[in-house]
Structure formats: C-alpha cells, structure tokens
Amino acid sequence: MNDAVVITEAEPFSQPGPRIVWVNKIFYERNGYSPEEVIGNTPRMLQGPGTDRATLDRVREAMTQWRPIRAELLNYRKDGTSYWNEFEIVPVANEQGWFTHWVSVQRDTTERKQMEERVHQLAFYDPLTHLPNRRLMNDRLSQALAASKRSGRHGALIFLDLDNFKLVNDSHGHDVGDALLCQVAAQLKKCVRETDTVSRFGGDEFVILLSDLFADQATSLKRASVIAEKIRSALTQAYALTISQNGQAEHLIEHQCSASLGVVMFCGQQASVSDLLKWADTAMYQAKNAGRNAIRFYQAKGQV
C-alpha cells in the first residue's frame, strides 16, 4: 500500500500523548526517521510551526470520546520539509470491549493541495501582479458591506486608473507595460493596511477597498482622503524600467507615472457592489476630466 500506517497505545491524551508501538515501511520512508526514533515516541513528532492548532484540538476532542476522526494537517519530516497529511484514526478494542490502541492510516496529499491552490490562484488572483482579481474583490466588497451594516463603521472604495498608460505600451512594448503594472501593484500595497484589499481589474485599472474605518462619518472621510492622497503621491515617483528593442542591449529608463482616483464612501447603505463600483468609476473619470493626477469623491444623495 502507498499509505503510512501508525499504531499507538490508547492513552494518555495529555502530554506527551499515546506512544507509537508500530508503523509500516511507508511511514519510515516518508518521514525519514529510524525505528529507534519512532517506536516509543508519539505522533506529535510530526508536528511543526505550520500545523493547525484548531485541527489538533478537534482530533484530541474526538479521541477523548473514543470516536473515529478524519482530518488533514501540515506535518514535517525529519529534515524539516513539510507535507500535507490526510489521515483517519480509529480506536481498536480488545475482546472485552476495552479500547487498547489507535490505528491511523495516513496519506500524503501535498500534490492535491498544491493543485487546489493553483486552481484557487487562477480563479481569484491576477496572474501578472498576483493581486486579487475582479471576482475576489467583488466578494470582499460584498463582505465589507455586510460587516459595515452590522458594525456601523464606514468604508471606502477607490477606483484607480493610470494616466496615459497606453503610451508606455505603444512606445516600449507590452513587456515594459507589464513591468510597470507590477511595480504599481507593489507600491499600492505599501500604501494601505494589511486588512485592506488592493485588486487589479484588468489593463491599468486597480480597485482598493478600505474597510472598517470609523463609525464617525467625518473621521472616515478624512482617513480615506489621506490614504487616497498617499496613493496618488506615491504613484508619481519615477519607475525604473528595462528596455530592450530590436535586438539592442538592455538599458534602463525612468518613467514618470501618475494616476486618477475616484473614491466612494459607504456605511451599511442599501447599495450594491455594482453600484459602488459604478460610482467610484464615475468619480475616477471626473478626476481624469479635471486634468488627471487627481482625486475626486463621488457626490450623490446618500453619499458623502
């Protein structure tokens, strides 16, 4: 079989845990330990910094009730490398019905987890900048609206478009334009909190979600204004871009960039995700029409 098998004593549940009395050859090969290192030790020898505490607690609760349990954990080999381990643990009783051992069958599911992560990445993240894409932003904005309605705290949505980005592609090629977009993405992430979301909608359009600001409207508006200005100012820096055309040697150029930003505030109002995006986009075009490299807030009934 390709699965590892581990047999332990039934107890104790407290530290250091049930002792291992037998494992099969696959266990040794997968984890890199010798029999002397395994027998008498506990399965906790496979745990490490990335092993999920909540899952361990769920496993322990099932074992204290003598129930079978199936779970998946990040485990660690002797050399420190990690792998995903899907396992099922069942109690084994003797003829008198007294539970004497646990038997665990373990399967390496790392390849499946990696495939799931790749599928998730393709579905929810922009392949160029690795920022959340439109689909994930819509989901997070929907969650932010629901949270705002519960808490009474304001949020803000910023729609950003780079000024004259087409000239970069036309003059230097799409590879250089892509490099600029990646630098812009990195710069945007520096301007906001870890709890905020920076997304790329496509082309040179980015959307930033500032959630969970303040309950006070004026304070929230001021905070959103400060962050928007921080973004606008940060994007005006000179970007170093590598140019290589017609077989010539690569050389660096400095490209000066700017952006137009549209901002819309929200606080639990009955606005939809599409409404907020439309309003932020409208404000962004107002900034474009005002001469670019500017910020405009959406003004409408019910809006700040």
Protein backbone atom coordinates (compact mmCIF):
# COMPACT_ATOMS: atom_id res chain seq x y z
CA MET A 1 0.00 0.00 0.00
CA ASN A 2 1.04 3.63 -0.53
CA ASP A 3 -0.36 4.84 2.78
CA ALA A 4 1.51 5.07 6.05
CA VAL A 5 0.07 3.15 8.97
CA VAL A 6 0.66 4.06 12.61
CA ILE A 7 -0.47 2.10 15.67
CA THR A 8 -0.29 3.76 19.09
CA GLU A 9 -1.33 2.88 22.59
CA ALA A 10 -4.81 4.08 23.56
CA GLU A 11 -3.69 6.62 26.16
CA PRO A 12 -2.64 9.08 27.57
CA PHE A 13 -4.31 12.03 25.84
CA SER A 14 -2.24 14.58 27.74
CA GLN A 15 1.40 15.30 27.00
CA PRO A 16 3.31 13.57 25.55
CA GLY A 17 0.37 11.61 24.07
CA PRO A 18 -0.14 7.95 23.14
CA ARG A 19 3.14 6.17 22.33
CA ILE A 20 3.77 4.62 18.93
CA VAL A 21 4.10 0.82 19.04
CA TRP A 22 4.29 0.07 15.30
CA VAL A 23 4.50 1.81 11.91
CA ASN A 24 4.84 0.38 8.43
CA LYS A 25 7.70 0.85 5.98
CA ILE A 26 5.97 3.74 4.16
CA PHE A 27 5.99 5.80 7.36
CA TYR A 28 9.75 5.46 7.71
CA GLU A 29 10.37 6.24 4.04
CA ARG A 30 8.04 9.26 4.04
CA ASN A 31 9.32 10.87 7.23
CA GLY A 32 13.00 9.91 7.26
CA TYR A 33 13.12 8.53 10.78
CA SER A 34 14.68 5.29 12.02
CA PRO A 35 12.74 2.72 14.10
CA GLU A 36 14.72 3.76 17.17
CA GLU A 37 13.48 7.35 16.73
CA VAL A 38 9.85 6.37 16.17
CA ILE A 39 8.90 3.47 18.43
CA GLY A 40 8.06 4.81 21.87
CA ASN A 41 7.70 8.35 20.53
CA THR A 42 4.32 9.98 19.79
CA PRO A 43 2.73 11.19 16.54
CA ARG A 44 3.37 14.71 17.79
CA MET A 45 6.90 14.24 16.46
CA LEU A 46 5.44 15.14 13.04
CA GLN A 47 4.04 18.49 14.17
CA GLY A 48 5.69 21.82 13.41
CA PRO A 49 5.12 25.58 13.19
CA GLY A 50 2.54 25.28 10.40
CA THR A 51 0.47 22.52 11.98
CA ASP A 52 -3.02 23.88 12.61
CA ARG A 53 -3.89 24.11 16.29
CA ALA A 54 -7.65 24.08 15.72
CA THR A 55 -7.45 20.81 13.80
CA LEU A 56 -5.30 19.26 16.53
CA ASP A 57 -7.89 20.28 19.12
CA ARG A 58 -10.65 18.71 17.01
CA VAL A 59 -8.66 15.46 16.77
CA ARG A 60 -7.99 15.42 20.50
CA GLU A 61 -11.67 16.02 21.31
CA ALA A 62 -12.70 13.06 19.13
CA MET A 63 -10.09 10.81 20.71
CA THR A 64 -11.15 11.68 24.26
CA GLN A 65 -14.64 10.49 23.25
CA TRP A 66 -13.23 7.37 21.54
CA ARG A 67 -14.65 8.44 18.18
CA PRO A 68 -13.02 7.84 14.78
CA ILE A 69 -11.76 11.07 13.21
CA ARG A 70 -10.64 12.09 9.73
CA ALA A 71 -8.54 15.25 9.29
CA GLU A 72 -5.74 16.87 7.30
CA LEU A 73 -2.66 18.52 8.76
CA LEU A 74 0.60 20.04 7.64
CA ASN A 75 3.24 17.65 9.00
CA TYR A 76 7.03 17.74 8.99
CA ARG A 77 9.69 15.21 8.08
CA LYS A 78 12.94 14.72 9.99
CA ASP A 79 14.78 17.05 7.58
CA GLY A 80 12.30 19.84 8.30
CA THR A 81 10.43 19.74 5.00
CA SER A 82 6.66 19.82 5.22
CA TYR A 83 3.88 17.88 3.51
CA TRP A 84 0.11 17.65 3.76
CA ASN A 85 -1.04 14.56 5.62
CA GLU A 86 -4.63 13.33 5.37
CA PHE A 87 -5.34 10.70 7.99
CA GLU A 88 -8.07 8.68 9.63
CA ILE A 89 -7.75 7.48 13.21
CA VAL A 90 -9.93 4.71 14.62
CA PRO A 91 -9.95 3.13 18.11
CA VAL A 92 -9.37 -0.61 18.43
CA ALA A 93 -10.88 -2.63 21.31
CA ASN A 94 -9.96 -6.00 22.77
CA GLU A 95 -12.34 -8.93 23.27
CA GLN A 96 -13.68 -7.37 26.47
CA GLY A 97 -14.57 -4.15 24.59
CA TRP A 98 -11.80 -2.12 26.22
CA PHE A 99 -10.07 0.30 23.84
CA THR A 100 -6.38 -0.56 23.78
CA HIS A 101 -4.93 1.10 20.65
CA TRP A 102 -5.41 3.67 17.92
CA VAL A 103 -4.78 2.83 14.27
CA SER A 104 -4.08 5.68 11.87
CA VAL A 105 -3.89 5.41 8.08
CA GLN A 106 -2.09 8.41 6.58
CA ARG A 107 -1.88 9.66 3.00
CA ASP A 108 0.38 12.34 1.52
CA THR A 109 -1.99 14.83 -0.15
CA THR A 110 0.58 17.54 -0.94
CA GLU A 111 0.15 17.26 -4.70
CA ARG A 112 -3.63 17.59 -4.43
CA LYS A 113 -3.33 20.60 -2.10
CA GLN A 114 -0.91 22.26 -4.49
CA MET A 115 -3.29 21.67 -7.38
CA GLU A 116 -6.16 23.15 -5.36
CA GLU A 117 -4.00 26.19 -4.60
CA ARG A 118 -3.16 26.66 -8.29
CA VAL A 119 -6.84 26.44 -9.24
CA HIS A 120 -7.70 28.94 -6.50
CA GLN A 121 -4.92 31.26 -7.66
CA LEU A 122 -6.17 31.20 -11.24
CA ALA A 123 -9.77 31.77 -10.18
CA PHE A 124 -9.25 34.62 -7.74
CA TYR A 125 -5.91 36.31 -8.49
CA ASP A 126 -4.47 38.32 -11.35
CA PRO A 127 -1.72 36.22 -12.98
CA LEU A 128 0.52 39.25 -13.69
CA THR A 129 0.52 41.17 -10.40
CA HIS A 130 -0.78 38.35 -8.14
CA LEU A 131 -3.28 40.81 -6.70
CA PRO A 132 -6.90 39.78 -6.11
CA ASN A 133 -8.88 39.95 -9.34
CA ARG A 134 -12.33 41.39 -10.03
CA ARG A 135 -14.09 38.26 -8.81
CA LEU A 136 -12.34 38.21 -5.44
CA MET A 137 -12.72 41.99 -4.99
CA ASN A 138 -16.46 41.71 -5.61
CA ASP A 139 -16.67 39.02 -2.94
CA ARG A 140 -14.65 41.04 -0.40
CA LEU A 141 -16.63 44.19 -1.13
CA SER A 142 -19.85 42.26 -0.54
CA GLN A 143 -18.47 41.05 2.80
CA ALA A 144 -17.36 44.58 3.70
CA LEU A 145 -20.85 45.94 3.01
CA ALA A 146 -22.40 43.30 5.26
CA ALA A 147 -19.84 43.98 8.01
CA SER A 148 -20.42 47.73 7.72
CA LYS A 149 -24.15 47.25 8.14
CA ARG A 150 -23.57 45.25 11.34
CA SER A 151 -20.90 47.47 12.89
CA GLY A 152 -21.94 50.91 11.68
CA ARG A 153 -18.37 51.62 10.61
CA HIS A 154 -17.60 53.30 7.31
CA GLY A 155 -15.56 52.02 4.40
CA ALA A 156 -14.27 53.43 1.14
CA LEU A 157 -13.76 52.15 -2.38
CA ILE A 158 -11.06 53.69 -4.58
CA PHE A 159 -11.10 53.20 -8.36
CA LEU A 160 -7.71 53.99 -9.88
CA ASP A 161 -6.61 54.31 -13.48
CA LEU A 162 -3.06 55.10 -14.62
CA ASP A 163 -2.74 58.23 -16.74
CA ASN A 164 -1.52 57.79 -20.32
CA PHE A 165 -0.62 54.15 -19.76
CA LYS A 166 -1.28 53.32 -23.41
CA LEU A 167 1.73 55.43 -24.38
CA VAL A 168 4.01 53.09 -22.42
CA ASN A 169 2.78 50.04 -24.31
CA ASP A 170 2.88 51.85 -27.65
CA SER A 171 6.37 53.26 -27.11
CA HIS A 172 8.15 50.42 -25.35
CA GLY A 173 6.03 47.28 -25.75
CA HIS A 174 3.71 45.27 -23.55
CA ASP A 175 6.53 43.64 -21.56
CA VAL A 176 7.59 47.05 -20.29
CA GLY A 177 3.97 47.95 -19.61
CA ASP A 178 3.57 44.75 -17.60
CA ALA A 179 6.70 45.56 -15.60
CA LEU A 180 5.25 48.98 -14.78
CA LEU A 181 1.96 47.42 -13.64
CA CYS A 182 3.83 45.08 -11.30
CA GLN A 183 5.73 48.00 -9.75
CA VAL A 184 2.49 49.95 -9.36
CA ALA A 185 0.88 46.94 -7.65
CA ALA A 186 3.76 46.71 -5.18
CA GLN A 187 3.56 50.43 -4.48
CA LEU A 188 -0.19 50.29 -3.85
CA LYS A 189 0.18 47.51 -1.29
CA LYS A 190 2.63 49.68 0.65
CA CYS A 191 0.06 52.47 0.92
CA VAL A 192 -2.68 50.52 2.71
CA ARG A 193 -3.16 48.29 5.73
CA GLU A 194 -2.86 44.51 5.56
CA THR A 195 -6.59 44.30 6.21
CA ASP A 196 -7.38 46.38 3.09
CA THR A 197 -7.64 44.87 -0.38
CA VAL A 198 -5.74 46.02 -3.47
CA SER A 199 -7.04 44.42 -6.67
CA ARG A 200 -6.39 44.65 -10.37
CA PHE A 201 -9.49 44.73 -12.53
CA GLY A 202 -7.60 44.48 -15.81
CA GLY A 203 -5.47 46.70 -18.01
CA ASP A 204 -4.27 49.62 -15.90
CA GLU A 205 -7.32 49.68 -13.62
CA PHE A 206 -6.90 48.98 -9.90
CA VAL A 207 -9.52 48.98 -7.15
CA ILE A 208 -8.68 49.45 -3.46
CA LEU A 209 -11.08 48.55 -0.66
CA LEU A 210 -10.64 50.33 2.67
CA SER A 211 -12.88 48.51 5.13
CA ASP A 212 -13.64 49.00 8.81
CA LEU A 213 -12.64 52.67 9.09
CA PHE A 214 -14.54 54.63 11.76
CA ALA A 215 -18.12 54.98 12.96
CA ASP A 216 -17.85 58.74 12.62
CA GLN A 217 -18.51 59.89 9.06
CA ALA A 218 -16.20 62.91 9.06
CA THR A 219 -13.29 60.97 10.56
CA SER A 220 -13.75 58.19 7.99
CA LEU A 221 -13.86 60.68 5.14
CA LYS A 222 -10.68 62.33 6.37
CA ARG A 223 -8.93 58.95 6.66
CA ALA A 224 -9.98 57.92 3.15
CA SER A 225 -8.77 61.28 1.81
CA VAL A 226 -5.37 60.83 3.46
CA ILE A 227 -4.94 57.32 2.02
CA ALA A 228 -6.08 58.40 -1.45
CA GLU A 229 -3.59 61.26 -1.43
CA LYS A 230 -0.88 58.92 -0.18
CA ILE A 231 -1.59 56.64 -3.16
CA ARG A 232 -1.71 59.49 -5.67
CA SER A 233 1.59 60.91 -4.40
CA ALA A 234 3.33 57.52 -4.23
CA LEU A 235 2.45 56.70 -7.85
CA THR A 236 4.09 59.89 -9.14
CA GLN A 237 7.54 58.51 -8.38
CA ALA A 238 9.93 57.66 -11.21
CA TYR A 239 9.87 53.97 -12.15
CA ALA A 240 13.00 52.19 -13.40
CA LEU A 241 12.06 50.10 -16.44
CA THR A 242 14.26 47.81 -18.51
CA ILE A 243 14.05 48.44 -22.26
CA SER A 244 15.22 46.06 -24.98
CA GLN A 245 14.10 46.57 -28.58
CA ASN A 246 15.15 45.26 -31.97
CA GLY A 247 17.93 43.10 -30.58
CA GLN A 248 19.66 46.03 -28.87
CA ALA A 249 21.29 45.69 -25.46
CA GLU A 250 19.05 46.22 -22.48
CA HIS A 251 19.05 49.63 -20.86
CA LEU A 252 17.17 51.32 -18.07
CA ILE A 253 14.85 54.26 -18.41
CA GLU A 254 13.00 56.29 -15.82
CA HIS A 255 9.29 56.61 -16.40
CA GLN A 256 7.22 59.20 -14.58
CA CYS A 257 3.75 57.96 -13.78
CA SER A 258 0.54 59.39 -12.37
CA ALA A 259 -2.98 58.18 -11.70
CA SER A 260 -6.54 59.42 -11.46
CA LEU A 261 -8.53 58.25 -8.44
CA GLY A 262 -12.26 58.08 -7.79
CA VAL A 263 -13.47 57.44 -4.25
CA VAL A 264 -16.88 56.46 -2.89
CA MET A 265 -17.73 56.10 0.80
CA PHE A 266 -20.16 53.52 2.19
CA CYS A 267 -21.67 52.65 5.54
CA GLY A 268 -24.26 49.90 5.50
CA GLN A 269 -26.45 51.67 2.96
CA GLN A 270 -28.56 49.62 0.58
CA ALA A 271 -26.05 50.00 -2.23
CA SER A 272 -24.99 47.00 -4.27
CA VAL A 273 -21.45 46.01 -5.17
CA SER A 274 -22.06 47.06 -8.77
CA ASP A 275 -23.43 50.44 -7.62
CA LEU A 276 -20.33 51.23 -5.58
CA LEU A 277 -18.01 50.21 -8.40
CA LYS A 278 -20.00 52.31 -10.87
CA TRP A 279 -19.92 55.34 -8.56
CA ALA A 280 -16.18 55.02 -7.91
CA ASP A 281 -15.58 54.67 -11.65
CA THR A 282 -17.66 57.80 -12.29
CA ALA A 283 -15.59 59.76 -9.76
CA MET A 284 -12.40 58.48 -11.37
CA TYR A 285 -13.47 59.84 -14.76
CA GLN A 286 -14.23 63.17 -13.09
CA ALA A 287 -10.60 63.17 -11.92
CA LYS A 288 -9.48 62.40 -15.50
CA ASN A 289 -11.56 65.25 -16.86
CA ALA A 290 -10.11 67.59 -14.24
CA GLY A 291 -6.66 67.17 -15.75
CA ARG A 292 -5.54 63.76 -14.40
CA ASN A 293 -3.25 63.07 -11.45
CA ALA A 294 -6.18 63.99 -9.22
CA ILE A 295 -8.68 62.64 -6.71
CA ARG A 296 -12.43 63.04 -6.82
CA PHE A 297 -15.09 61.81 -4.36
CA TYR A 298 -18.44 60.66 -5.66
CA GLN A 299 -21.18 63.10 -4.72
CA ALA A 300 -24.76 61.87 -4.67
CA LYS A 301 -27.75 61.69 -2.38
CA GLY A 302 -26.94 59.26 0.41
CA GLN A 303 -23.23 59.51 -0.33
CA VAL A 304 -20.53 61.51 1.43
